[in-house]
Amino acid sequence: MLEENRRRIEESQRKEALEQQRREEERYRELEELQRQKEEAMRRKKQQEEEERVKQMKLLGKNKSRPKLSFALGSK
């Protein structure tokens, strides 16, 4: 009877440990997914900001988007 009691307790503890491990793994996967979503959102935002910056540079005619004219005197 004591042996059976001990075996039941061990089995219960083993099941609880497996359940705890499963919960921890699920939580870890959720955190990884959240991190991936945040990184993707930041990447999209950065790309959008870069596109806006390029568009603004074109509108303002900066960043060598128009040819530079030289008015130097003399010959080459």
PDB file of N, CA and C in Angstrom:
ATOM      1  N   MET A   1       0.831  -1.199   0.000  1.00  0.00           N
ATOM      2  CA  MET A   1       0.000   0.000   0.000  1.00  0.00           C
ATOM      3  C   MET A   1       0.871   1.257   0.000  1.00  0.00           C
ATOM      4  N   LEU A   2       1.911   1.265   0.809  1.00  0.00           N
ATOM      5  CA  LEU A   2       2.812   2.412   0.821  1.00  0.00           C
ATOM      6  C   LEU A   2       3.507   2.576  -0.524  1.00  0.00           C
ATOM      7  N   GLU A   3       3.874   1.440  -1.101  1.00  0.00           N
ATOM      8  CA  GLU A   3       4.523   1.466  -2.415  1.00  0.00           C
ATOM      9  C   GLU A   3       3.577   2.055  -3.461  1.00  0.00           C
ATOM     10  N   GLU A   4       2.314   1.681  -3.416  1.00  0.00           N
ATOM     11  CA  GLU A   4       1.335   2.199  -4.372  1.00  0.00           C
ATOM     12  C   GLU A   4       1.104   3.692  -4.158  1.00  0.00           C
ATOM     13  N   ASN A   5       1.053   4.100  -2.902  1.00  0.00           N
ATOM     14  CA  ASN A   5       0.903   5.528  -2.577  1.00  0.00           C
ATOM     15  C   ASN A   5       2.087   6.323  -3.139  1.00  0.00           C
ATOM     16  N   ARG A   6       3.287   5.806  -2.920  1.00  0.00           N
ATOM     17  CA  ARG A   6       4.494   6.483  -3.401  1.00  0.00           C
ATOM     18  C   ARG A   6       4.469   6.575  -4.936  1.00  0.00           C
ATOM     19  N   ARG A   7       4.047   5.491  -5.580  1.00  0.00           N
ATOM     20  CA  ARG A   7       3.990   5.471  -7.029  1.00  0.00           C
ATOM     21  C   ARG A   7       2.962   6.487  -7.548  1.00  0.00           C
ATOM     22  N   ARG A   8       1.832   6.585  -6.892  1.00  0.00           N
ATOM     23  CA  ARG A   8       0.805   7.564  -7.294  1.00  0.00           C
ATOM     24  C   ARG A   8       1.326   8.992  -7.146  1.00  0.00           C
ATOM     25  N   ILE A   9       2.019   9.238  -6.046  1.00  0.00           N
ATOM     26  CA  ILE A   9       2.570  10.581  -5.811  1.00  0.00           C
ATOM     27  C   ILE A   9       3.605  10.917  -6.880  1.00  0.00           C
ATOM     28  N   GLU A  10       4.484   9.969  -7.183  1.00  0.00           N
ATOM     29  CA  GLU A  10       5.499  10.197  -8.214  1.00  0.00           C
ATOM     30  C   GLU A  10       4.854  10.458  -9.563  1.00  0.00           C
ATOM     31  N   GLU A  11       3.834   9.680  -9.888  1.00  0.00           N
ATOM     32  CA  GLU A  11       3.136   9.856 -11.168  1.00  0.00           C
ATOM     33  C   GLU A  11       2.463  11.227 -11.220  1.00  0.00           C
ATOM     34  N   SER A  12       1.856  11.632 -10.136  1.00  0.00           N
ATOM     35  CA  SER A  12       1.211  12.937 -10.065  1.00  0.00           C
ATOM     36  C   SER A  12       2.241  14.058 -10.229  1.00  0.00           C
ATOM     37  N   GLN A  13       3.379  13.908  -9.563  1.00  0.00           N
ATOM     38  CA  GLN A  13       4.435  14.915  -9.673  1.00  0.00           C
ATOM     39  C   GLN A  13       4.987  14.973 -11.098  1.00  0.00           C
ATOM     40  N   ARG A  14       5.141  13.823 -11.723  1.00  0.00           N
ATOM     41  CA  ARG A  14       5.646  13.772 -13.096  1.00  0.00           C
ATOM     42  C   ARG A  14       4.665  14.460 -14.046  1.00  0.00           C
ATOM     43  N   LYS A  15       3.368  14.184 -13.877  1.00  0.00           N
ATOM     44  CA  LYS A  15       2.360  14.825 -14.725  1.00  0.00           C
ATOM     45  C   LYS A  15       2.364  16.345 -14.532  1.00  0.00           C
ATOM     46  N   GLU A  16       2.482  16.761 -13.281  1.00  0.00           N
ATOM     47  CA  GLU A  16       2.510  18.200 -12.988  1.00  0.00           C
ATOM     48  C   GLU A  16       3.745  18.848 -13.611  1.00  0.00           C
ATOM     49  N   ALA A  17       4.874  18.183 -13.532  1.00  0.00           N
ATOM     50  CA  ALA A  17       6.101  18.722 -14.129  1.00  0.00           C
ATOM     51  C   ALA A  17       5.958  18.831 -15.647  1.00  0.00           C
ATOM     52  N   LEU A  18       5.363  17.828 -16.280  1.00  0.00           N
ATOM     53  CA  LEU A  18       5.154  17.886 -17.731  1.00  0.00           C
ATOM     54  C   LEU A  18       4.203  19.012 -18.114  1.00  0.00           C
ATOM     55  N   GLU A  19       3.155  19.171 -17.336  1.00  0.00           N
ATOM     56  CA  GLU A  19       2.191  20.247 -17.601  1.00  0.00           C
ATOM     57  C   GLU A  19       2.863  21.614 -17.439  1.00  0.00           C
ATOM     58  N   GLN A  20       3.674  21.768 -16.405  1.00  0.00           N
ATOM     59  CA  GLN A  20       4.394  23.021 -16.174  1.00  0.00           C
ATOM     60  C   GLN A  20       5.338  23.304 -17.348  1.00  0.00           C
ATOM     61  N   GLN A  21       6.041  22.282 -17.799  1.00  0.00           N
ATOM     62  CA  GLN A  21       6.950  22.443 -18.927  1.00  0.00           C
ATOM     63  C   GLN A  21       6.185  22.847 -20.182  1.00  0.00           C
ATOM     64  N   ARG A  22       5.039  22.225 -20.411  1.00  0.00           N
ATOM     65  CA  ARG A  22       4.217  22.569 -21.577  1.00  0.00           C
ATOM     66  C   ARG A  22       3.761  24.026 -21.520  1.00  0.00           C
ATOM     67  N   ARG A  23       3.330  24.471 -20.327  1.00  0.00           N
ATOM     68  CA  ARG A  23       2.902  25.869 -20.170  1.00  0.00           C
ATOM     69  C   ARG A  23       4.056  26.831 -20.424  1.00  0.00           C
ATOM     70  N   GLU A  24       5.245  26.490 -19.914  1.00  0.00           N
ATOM     71  CA  GLU A  24       6.407  27.356 -20.118  1.00  0.00           C
ATOM     72  C   GLU A  24       6.790  27.432 -21.592  1.00  0.00           C
ATOM     73  N   GLU A  25       6.738  26.289 -22.287  1.00  0.00           N
ATOM     74  CA  GLU A  25       7.052  26.285 -23.715  1.00  0.00           C
ATOM     75  C   GLU A  25       6.040  27.102 -24.510  1.00  0.00           C
ATOM     76  N   GLU A  26       4.776  27.005 -24.148  1.00  0.00           N
ATOM     77  CA  GLU A  26       3.738  27.781 -24.832  1.00  0.00           C
ATOM     78  C   GLU A  26       3.956  29.275 -24.598  1.00  0.00           C
ATOM     79  N   ARG A  27       4.273  29.637 -23.380  1.00  0.00           N
ATOM     80  CA  ARG A  27       4.532  31.049 -23.065  1.00  0.00           C
ATOM     81  C   ARG A  27       5.746  31.559 -23.845  1.00  0.00           C
ATOM     82  N   TYR A  28       6.780  30.717 -23.945  1.00  0.00           N
ATOM     83  CA  TYR A  28       7.974  31.087 -24.688  1.00  0.00           C
ATOM     84  C   TYR A  28       7.637  31.327 -26.158  1.00  0.00           C
ATOM     85  N   ARG A  29       6.824  30.447 -26.747  1.00  0.00           N
ATOM     86  CA  ARG A  29       6.415  30.622 -28.147  1.00  0.00           C
ATOM     87  C   ARG A  29       5.612  31.916 -28.327  1.00  0.00           C
ATOM     88  N   GLU A  30       4.739  32.208 -27.366  1.00  0.00           N
ATOM     89  CA  GLU A  30       3.965  33.452 -27.447  1.00  0.00           C
ATOM     90  C   GLU A  30       4.877  34.669 -27.400  1.00  0.00           C
ATOM     91  N   LEU A  31       5.869  34.633 -26.504  1.00  0.00           N
ATOM     92  CA  LEU A  31       6.805  35.753 -26.411  1.00  0.00           C
ATOM     93  C   LEU A  31       7.631  35.896 -27.689  1.00  0.00           C
ATOM     94  N   GLU A  32       8.048  34.780 -28.270  1.00  0.00           N
ATOM     95  CA  GLU A  32       8.792  34.832 -29.530  1.00  0.00           C
ATOM     96  C   GLU A  32       7.940  35.447 -30.632  1.00  0.00           C
ATOM     97  N   GLU A  33       6.669  35.078 -30.692  1.00  0.00           N
ATOM     98  CA  GLU A  33       5.765  35.612 -31.714  1.00  0.00           C
ATOM     99  C   GLU A  33       5.568  37.122 -31.517  1.00  0.00           C
ATOM    100  N   LEU A  34       5.394  37.539 -30.279  1.00  0.00           N
ATOM    101  CA  LEU A  34       5.258  38.980 -30.008  1.00  0.00           C
ATOM    102  C   LEU A  34       6.512  39.732 -30.435  1.00  0.00           C
ATOM    103  N   GLN A  35       7.676  39.184 -30.120  1.00  0.00           N
ATOM    104  CA  GLN A  35       8.933  39.820 -30.500  1.00  0.00           C
ATOM    105  C   GLN A  35       9.055  39.915 -32.019  1.00  0.00           C
ATOM    106  N   ARG A  36       8.678  38.845 -32.708  1.00  0.00           N
ATOM    107  CA  ARG A  36       8.745  38.844 -34.168  1.00  0.00           C
ATOM    108  C   ARG A  36       7.799  39.903 -34.752  1.00  0.00           C
ATOM    109  N   GLN A  37       6.609  40.024 -34.170  1.00  0.00           N
ATOM    110  CA  GLN A  37       5.654  41.020 -34.655  1.00  0.00           C
ATOM    111  C   GLN A  37       6.175  42.437 -34.427  1.00  0.00           C
ATOM    112  N   LYS A  38       6.788  42.674 -33.264  1.00  0.00           N
ATOM    113  CA  LYS A  38       7.348  44.000 -32.984  1.00  0.00           C
ATOM    114  C   LYS A  38       8.472  44.336 -33.958  1.00  0.00           C
ATOM    115  N   GLU A  39       9.347  43.358 -34.216  1.00  0.00           N
ATOM    116  CA  GLU A  39      10.447  43.591 -35.144  1.00  0.00           C
ATOM    117  C   GLU A  39       9.931  43.861 -36.546  1.00  0.00           C
ATOM    118  N   GLU A  40       8.913  43.141 -36.963  1.00  0.00           N
ATOM    119  CA  GLU A  40       8.332  43.341 -38.292  1.00  0.00           C
ATOM    120  C   GLU A  40       7.698  44.732 -38.383  1.00  0.00           C
ATOM    121  N   ALA A  41       6.994  45.145 -37.342  1.00  0.00           N
ATOM    122  CA  ALA A  41       6.372  46.474 -37.331  1.00  0.00           C
ATOM    123  C   ALA A  41       7.444  47.564 -37.389  1.00  0.00           C
ATOM    124  N   MET A  42       8.522  47.387 -36.656  1.00  0.00           N
ATOM    125  CA  MET A  42       9.605  48.377 -36.673  1.00  0.00           C
ATOM    126  C   MET A  42      10.267  48.422 -38.047  1.00  0.00           C
ATOM    127  N   ARG A  43      10.454  47.252 -38.663  1.00  0.00           N
ATOM    128  CA  ARG A  43      11.060  47.202 -39.993  1.00  0.00           C
ATOM    129  C   ARG A  43      10.179  47.917 -41.017  1.00  0.00           C
ATOM    130  N   ARG A  44       8.860  47.676 -40.939  1.00  0.00           N
ATOM    131  CA  ARG A  44       7.938  48.351 -41.864  1.00  0.00           C
ATOM    132  C   ARG A  44       7.951  49.867 -41.639  1.00  0.00           C
ATOM    133  N   LYS A  45       7.972  50.277 -40.364  1.00  0.00           N
ATOM    134  CA  LYS A  45       7.979  51.703 -40.060  1.00  0.00           C
ATOM    135  C   LYS A  45       9.259  52.361 -40.575  1.00  0.00           C
ATOM    136  N   LYS A  46      10.393  51.685 -40.371  1.00  0.00           N
ATOM    137  CA  LYS A  46      11.660  52.231 -40.831  1.00  0.00           C
ATOM    138  C   LYS A  46      11.678  52.339 -42.349  1.00  0.00           C
ATOM    139  N   GLN A  47      11.142  51.318 -43.031  1.00  0.00           N
ATOM    140  CA  GLN A  47      11.091  51.342 -44.487  1.00  0.00           C
ATOM    141  C   GLN A  47      10.195  52.476 -44.978  1.00  0.00           C
ATOM    142  N   GLN A  48       9.062  52.654 -44.308  1.00  0.00           N
ATOM    143  CA  GLN A  48       8.151  53.728 -44.694  1.00  0.00           C
ATOM    144  C   GLN A  48       8.807  55.096 -44.484  1.00  0.00           C
ATOM    145  N   GLU A  49       9.512  55.253 -43.367  1.00  0.00           N
ATOM    146  CA  GLU A  49      10.199  56.522 -43.110  1.00  0.00           C
ATOM    147  C   GLU A  49      11.278  56.779 -44.152  1.00  0.00           C
ATOM    148  N   GLU A  50      11.996  55.721 -44.548  1.00  0.00           N
ATOM    149  CA  GLU A  50      13.029  55.874 -45.570  1.00  0.00           C
ATOM    150  C   GLU A  50      12.403  56.271 -46.906  1.00  0.00           C
ATOM    151  N   GLU A  51      11.274  55.656 -47.248  1.00  0.00           N
ATOM    152  CA  GLU A  51      10.589  56.023 -48.491  1.00  0.00           C
ATOM    153  C   GLU A  51      10.134  57.480 -48.454  1.00  0.00           C
ATOM    154  N   GLU A  52       9.637  57.909 -47.318  1.00  0.00           N
ATOM    155  CA  GLU A  52       9.218  59.310 -47.170  1.00  0.00           C
ATOM    156  C   GLU A  52      10.413  60.253 -47.308  1.00  0.00           C
ATOM    157  N   ARG A  53      11.549  59.847 -46.725  1.00  0.00           N
ATOM    158  CA  ARG A  53      12.750  60.678 -46.793  1.00  0.00           C
ATOM    159  C   ARG A  53      13.228  60.798 -48.242  1.00  0.00           C
ATOM    160  N   VAL A  54      13.235  59.689 -48.968  1.00  0.00           N
ATOM    161  CA  VAL A  54      13.658  59.706 -50.367  1.00  0.00           C
ATOM    162  C   VAL A  54      12.704  60.574 -51.183  1.00  0.00           C
ATOM    163  N   LYS A  55      11.423  60.426 -50.927  1.00  0.00           N
ATOM    164  CA  LYS A  55      10.427  61.228 -51.636  1.00  0.00           C
ATOM    165  C   LYS A  55      10.642  62.712 -51.362  1.00  0.00           C
ATOM    166  N   GLN A  56      10.898  63.050 -50.114  1.00  0.00           N
ATOM    167  CA  GLN A  56      11.124  64.447 -49.733  1.00  0.00           C
ATOM    168  C   GLN A  56      12.388  64.986 -50.397  1.00  0.00           C
ATOM    169  N   MET A  57      13.435  64.159 -50.448  1.00  0.00           N
ATOM    170  CA  MET A  57      14.684  64.597 -51.077  1.00  0.00           C
ATOM    171  C   MET A  57      14.458  64.880 -52.559  1.00  0.00           C
ATOM    172  N   LYS A  58      13.654  64.049 -53.216  1.00  0.00           N
ATOM    173  CA  LYS A  58      13.370  64.266 -54.631  1.00  0.00           C
ATOM    174  C   LYS A  58      12.596  65.561 -54.823  1.00  0.00           C
ATOM    175  N   LEU A  59      11.632  65.793 -53.942  1.00  0.00           N
ATOM    176  CA  LEU A  59      10.827  67.013 -54.045  1.00  0.00           C
ATOM    177  C   LEU A  59      11.675  68.257 -53.840  1.00  0.00           C
ATOM    178  N   LEU A  60      12.616  68.173 -52.934  1.00  0.00           N
ATOM    179  CA  LEU A  60      13.455  69.326 -52.626  1.00  0.00           C
ATOM    180  C   LEU A  60      14.657  69.426 -53.552  1.00  0.00           C
ATOM    181  N   GLY A  61      14.883  68.409 -54.364  1.00  0.00           N
ATOM    182  CA  GLY A  61      15.995  68.450 -55.300  1.00  0.00           C
ATOM    183  C   GLY A  61      17.334  68.313 -54.606  1.00  0.00           C
ATOM    184  N   LYS A  62      17.386  67.542 -53.546  1.00  0.00           N
ATOM    185  CA  LYS A  62      18.624  67.376 -52.795  1.00  0.00           C
ATOM    186  C   LYS A  62      19.211  65.996 -53.048  1.00  0.00           C
ATOM    187  N   ASN A  63      20.337  65.772 -52.441  1.00  0.00           N
ATOM    188  CA  ASN A  63      21.016  64.475 -52.485  1.00  0.00           C
ATOM    189  C   ASN A  63      21.402  64.086 -53.911  1.00  0.00           C
ATOM    190  N   LYS A  64      21.913  65.067 -54.648  1.00  0.00           N
ATOM    191  CA  LYS A  64      22.448  64.855 -56.000  1.00  0.00           C
ATOM    192  C   LYS A  64      21.402  64.309 -56.962  1.00  0.00           C
ATOM    193  N   SER A  65      20.163  64.675 -56.758  1.00  0.00           N
ATOM    194  CA  SER A  65      19.132  64.214 -57.682  1.00  0.00           C
ATOM    195  C   SER A  65      19.053  65.132 -58.906  1.00  0.00           C
ATOM    196  N   ARG A  66      19.741  66.250 -58.857  1.00  0.00           N
ATOM    197  CA  ARG A  66      19.834  67.105 -60.041  1.00  0.00           C
ATOM    198  C   ARG A  66      21.315  67.346 -60.327  1.00  0.00           C
ATOM    199  N   PRO A  67      21.657  67.561 -61.564  1.00  0.00           N
ATOM    200  CA  PRO A  67      23.079  67.716 -61.904  1.00  0.00           C
ATOM    201  C   PRO A  67      23.660  69.020 -61.354  1.00  0.00           C
ATOM    202  N   LYS A  68      24.913  68.931 -60.974  1.00  0.00           N
ATOM    203  CA  LYS A  68      25.615  70.105 -60.457  1.00  0.00           C
ATOM    204  C   LYS A  68      26.252  70.825 -61.644  1.00  0.00           C
ATOM    205  N   LEU A  69      26.087  72.110 -61.681  1.00  0.00           N
ATOM    206  CA  LEU A  69      26.669  72.893 -62.763  1.00  0.00           C
ATOM    207  C   LEU A  69      27.919  73.581 -62.256  1.00  0.00           C
ATOM    208  N   SER A  70      28.926  73.582 -63.096  1.00  0.00           N
ATOM    209  CA  SER A  70      30.173  74.214 -62.719  1.00  0.00           C
ATOM    210  C   SER A  70      30.352  75.479 -63.531  1.00  0.00           C
ATOM    211  N   PHE A  71      30.705  76.571 -62.873  1.00  0.00           N
ATOM    212  CA  PHE A  71      30.897  77.847 -63.551  1.00  0.00           C
ATOM    213  C   PHE A  71      32.355  78.290 -63.452  1.00  0.00           C
ATOM    214  N   ALA A  72      33.228  77.328 -63.405  1.00  0.00           N
ATOM    215  CA  ALA A  72      34.653  77.633 -63.280  1.00  0.00           C
ATOM    216  C   ALA A  72      35.160  78.294 -64.558  1.00  0.00           C
ATOM    217  N   LEU A  73      36.081  79.218 -64.399  1.00  0.00           N
ATOM    218  CA  LEU A  73      36.719  79.863 -65.539  1.00  0.00           C
ATOM    219  C   LEU A  73      37.955  79.076 -65.895  1.00  0.00           C
ATOM    220  N   GLY A  74      38.220  79.000 -67.134  1.00  0.00           N
ATOM    221  CA  GLY A  74      39.411  78.293 -67.583  1.00  0.00           C
ATOM    222  C   GLY A  74      39.031  77.076 -68.368  1.00  0.00           C
ATOM    223  N   SER A  75      40.043  76.438 -68.901  1.00  0.00           N
ATOM    224  CA  SER A  75      39.788  75.270 -69.730  1.00  0.00           C
ATOM    225  C   SER A  75      40.333  74.016 -69.065  1.00  0.00           C
ATOM    226  N   LYS A  76      39.828  72.946 -69.492  1.00  0.00           N
ATOM    227  CA  LYS A  76      40.266  71.673 -68.913  1.00  0.00           C
ATOM    228  C   LYS A  76      41.235  70.983 -69.828  1.00  0.00           C
TER     229      LYS A  76
END
